[in-house]
Amino acid sequence: MRAHCTPRRPLRVAVYDVAGRHRASLYNGPGLAGSNRVQWRPPSLPAGVYYIQAAAGGRAERRSVLLLK
C-alpha cells in the first residue's frame, strides 16, 4: 500500500479484520514527504479479508486486501 503525506507528520498504518479488530501495526512514526510504501507479510493470520488503514495529518485512507495462503 502507498500512503502520501507531508513531511514530518505522524503516519500510522494499521491492519484490521472484518470485525474491526486491530490485528497489526505496520508503521507508526514520522512520514516522509511524498509517497511512502509499506509491505505486509503476516506469518500467523488466517486467510481472509483485511483492511489496511493509513492515517496522516487528520486524513485517513482505507483499502481492503485479500490475504491468500
N, C-alpha and C. Protein backbone atom coordinates (compact mmCIF):
# COMPACT_ATOMS: atom_id res chain seq x y z
N MET A 1 0.85 -1.17 0.00
CA MET A 1 0.00 0.00 0.00
C MET A 1 0.89 1.23 0.00
N ARG A 2 0.46 2.24 -0.70
CA ARG A 2 1.18 3.50 -0.71
C ARG A 2 0.36 4.54 0.04
N ALA A 3 1.05 5.39 0.79
CA ALA A 3 0.40 6.48 1.50
C ALA A 3 1.16 7.77 1.19
N HIS A 4 0.43 8.82 0.87
CA HIS A 4 1.03 10.12 0.59
C HIS A 4 0.82 11.03 1.79
N CYS A 5 1.89 11.71 2.21
CA CYS A 5 1.76 12.62 3.34
C CYS A 5 2.78 13.75 3.23
N THR A 6 2.59 14.74 4.08
CA THR A 6 3.52 15.87 4.12
C THR A 6 4.67 15.51 5.06
N PRO A 7 5.81 16.19 4.93
CA PRO A 7 6.97 15.82 5.74
C PRO A 7 6.74 15.97 7.24
N ARG A 8 7.29 15.04 7.97
CA ARG A 8 7.32 15.03 9.44
C ARG A 8 5.96 14.94 10.13
N ARG A 9 4.90 14.74 9.38
CA ARG A 9 3.60 14.50 10.01
C ARG A 9 3.56 13.05 10.47
N PRO A 10 2.94 12.79 11.61
CA PRO A 10 2.84 11.39 12.05
C PRO A 10 2.05 10.56 11.04
N LEU A 11 2.60 9.42 10.70
CA LEU A 11 1.96 8.48 9.78
C LEU A 11 1.72 7.18 10.53
N ARG A 12 0.49 6.71 10.47
CA ARG A 12 0.14 5.45 11.13
C ARG A 12 -0.50 4.54 10.11
N VAL A 13 0.03 3.33 9.99
CA VAL A 13 -0.53 2.34 9.07
C VAL A 13 -0.83 1.09 9.89
N ALA A 14 -2.09 0.66 9.86
CA ALA A 14 -2.51 -0.47 10.68
C ALA A 14 -3.41 -1.40 9.89
N VAL A 15 -3.50 -2.65 10.36
CA VAL A 15 -4.33 -3.68 9.72
C VAL A 15 -5.47 -4.04 10.66
N TYR A 16 -6.68 -4.14 10.11
CA TYR A 16 -7.87 -4.51 10.86
C TYR A 16 -8.57 -5.68 10.17
N ASP A 17 -9.23 -6.53 10.95
CA ASP A 17 -10.00 -7.61 10.34
C ASP A 17 -11.42 -7.10 10.02
N VAL A 18 -12.25 -7.97 9.46
CA VAL A 18 -13.59 -7.54 9.04
C VAL A 18 -14.49 -7.15 10.22
N ALA A 19 -14.14 -7.59 11.43
CA ALA A 19 -14.90 -7.22 12.62
C ALA A 19 -14.41 -5.90 13.21
N GLY A 20 -13.39 -5.30 12.59
CA GLY A 20 -12.87 -4.02 13.07
C GLY A 20 -11.80 -4.12 14.14
N ARG A 21 -11.35 -5.34 14.43
CA ARG A 21 -10.31 -5.53 15.45
C ARG A 21 -8.93 -5.21 14.88
N HIS A 22 -8.14 -4.51 15.66
CA HIS A 22 -6.77 -4.19 15.26
C HIS A 22 -5.95 -5.49 15.25
N ARG A 23 -5.32 -5.80 14.13
CA ARG A 23 -4.55 -7.04 14.01
C ARG A 23 -3.05 -6.81 13.94
N ALA A 24 -2.62 -5.66 13.41
CA ALA A 24 -1.18 -5.39 13.30
C ALA A 24 -0.94 -3.91 13.07
N SER A 25 0.19 -3.43 13.57
CA SER A 25 0.66 -2.08 13.26
C SER A 25 1.82 -2.23 12.29
N LEU A 26 1.70 -1.64 11.12
CA LEU A 26 2.75 -1.76 10.11
C LEU A 26 3.75 -0.63 10.21
N TYR A 27 3.29 0.54 10.63
CA TYR A 27 4.19 1.69 10.77
C TYR A 27 3.52 2.71 11.67
N ASN A 28 4.32 3.32 12.54
CA ASN A 28 3.83 4.38 13.40
C ASN A 28 5.00 5.32 13.68
N GLY A 29 5.10 6.38 12.91
CA GLY A 29 6.22 7.30 13.05
C GLY A 29 6.10 8.45 12.08
N PRO A 30 7.16 9.23 11.93
CA PRO A 30 7.10 10.37 11.02
C PRO A 30 7.05 9.91 9.56
N GLY A 31 6.19 10.54 8.81
CA GLY A 31 6.10 10.24 7.39
C GLY A 31 7.11 11.05 6.61
N LEU A 32 7.52 10.55 5.50
CA LEU A 32 8.40 11.27 4.60
C LEU A 32 7.55 11.97 3.56
N ALA A 33 8.02 13.07 3.04
CA ALA A 33 7.26 13.80 2.02
C ALA A 33 7.07 12.92 0.80
N GLY A 34 5.89 12.97 0.22
CA GLY A 34 5.61 12.21 -0.99
C GLY A 34 5.03 10.85 -0.69
N SER A 35 5.42 9.89 -1.50
CA SER A 35 4.85 8.54 -1.43
C SER A 35 5.64 7.66 -0.47
N ASN A 36 4.93 6.98 0.41
CA ASN A 36 5.53 6.04 1.36
C ASN A 36 4.94 4.66 1.08
N ARG A 37 5.78 3.66 1.03
CA ARG A 37 5.33 2.31 0.71
C ARG A 37 5.51 1.41 1.92
N VAL A 38 4.49 0.59 2.20
CA VAL A 38 4.52 -0.35 3.31
C VAL A 38 4.18 -1.73 2.77
N GLN A 39 4.92 -2.73 3.24
CA GLN A 39 4.67 -4.11 2.81
C GLN A 39 4.18 -4.91 4.01
N TRP A 40 3.23 -5.80 3.78
CA TRP A 40 2.65 -6.60 4.86
C TRP A 40 2.77 -8.07 4.52
N ARG A 41 3.44 -8.82 5.38
CA ARG A 41 3.58 -10.27 5.20
C ARG A 41 3.29 -10.94 6.55
N PRO A 42 2.03 -11.21 6.83
CA PRO A 42 1.66 -11.76 8.14
C PRO A 42 1.95 -13.26 8.24
N PRO A 43 2.72 -13.67 9.23
CA PRO A 43 3.04 -15.09 9.36
C PRO A 43 1.95 -15.91 10.06
N SER A 44 1.14 -15.26 10.91
CA SER A 44 0.24 -16.05 11.75
C SER A 44 -1.25 -15.76 11.55
N LEU A 45 -1.63 -14.85 10.70
CA LEU A 45 -3.05 -14.57 10.49
C LEU A 45 -3.64 -15.53 9.46
N PRO A 46 -4.89 -15.92 9.64
CA PRO A 46 -5.52 -16.80 8.66
C PRO A 46 -5.87 -16.04 7.38
N ALA A 47 -6.08 -16.78 6.31
CA ALA A 47 -6.51 -16.18 5.04
C ALA A 47 -7.85 -15.50 5.25
N GLY A 48 -8.09 -14.44 4.50
CA GLY A 48 -9.35 -13.73 4.61
C GLY A 48 -9.23 -12.29 4.14
N VAL A 49 -10.29 -11.52 4.39
CA VAL A 49 -10.31 -10.10 4.02
C VAL A 49 -9.85 -9.27 5.20
N TYR A 50 -8.98 -8.32 4.93
CA TYR A 50 -8.47 -7.40 5.95
C TYR A 50 -8.53 -5.99 5.38
N TYR A 51 -8.44 -5.02 6.27
CA TYR A 51 -8.43 -3.62 5.87
C TYR A 51 -7.13 -2.98 6.35
N ILE A 52 -6.46 -2.28 5.45
CA ILE A 52 -5.25 -1.56 5.81
C ILE A 52 -5.61 -0.08 5.81
N GLN A 53 -5.35 0.58 6.94
CA GLN A 53 -5.68 2.00 7.07
C GLN A 53 -4.41 2.80 7.27
N ALA A 54 -4.25 3.84 6.46
CA ALA A 54 -3.14 4.79 6.60
C ALA A 54 -3.73 6.12 7.05
N ALA A 55 -3.21 6.68 8.14
CA ALA A 55 -3.71 7.94 8.67
C ALA A 55 -2.53 8.90 8.85
N ALA A 56 -2.69 10.11 8.32
CA ALA A 56 -1.65 11.14 8.46
C ALA A 56 -2.29 12.51 8.34
N GLY A 57 -1.91 13.42 9.21
CA GLY A 57 -2.37 14.80 9.12
C GLY A 57 -3.87 14.98 9.15
N GLY A 58 -4.57 14.18 9.95
CA GLY A 58 -6.02 14.31 10.06
C GLY A 58 -6.80 13.65 8.94
N ARG A 59 -6.12 13.00 8.01
CA ARG A 59 -6.78 12.29 6.91
C ARG A 59 -6.49 10.80 7.04
N ALA A 60 -7.43 9.98 6.60
CA ALA A 60 -7.24 8.53 6.65
C ALA A 60 -7.73 7.92 5.34
N GLU A 61 -7.04 6.88 4.93
CA GLU A 61 -7.42 6.14 3.73
C GLU A 61 -7.42 4.67 4.09
N ARG A 62 -8.47 3.97 3.67
CA ARG A 62 -8.61 2.55 3.99
C ARG A 62 -8.78 1.76 2.71
N ARG A 63 -8.07 0.64 2.64
CA ARG A 63 -8.16 -0.25 1.48
C ARG A 63 -8.41 -1.67 1.97
N SER A 64 -9.22 -2.40 1.23
CA SER A 64 -9.43 -3.80 1.57
C SER A 64 -8.41 -4.65 0.82
N VAL A 65 -7.95 -5.69 1.48
CA VAL A 65 -6.99 -6.62 0.87
C VAL A 65 -7.47 -8.04 1.14
N LEU A 66 -7.13 -8.94 0.25
CA LEU A 66 -7.47 -10.34 0.41
C LEU A 66 -6.18 -11.09 0.66
N LEU A 67 -6.06 -11.71 1.83
CA LEU A 67 -4.88 -12.48 2.18
C LEU A 67 -5.11 -13.93 1.78
N LEU A 68 -4.26 -14.43 0.89
CA LEU A 68 -4.34 -15.82 0.45
C LEU A 68 -3.13 -16.57 0.99
N LYS A 69 -3.35 -17.80 1.40
CA LYS A 69 -2.22 -18.62 1.91
C LYS A 69 -2.18 -19.91 1.17
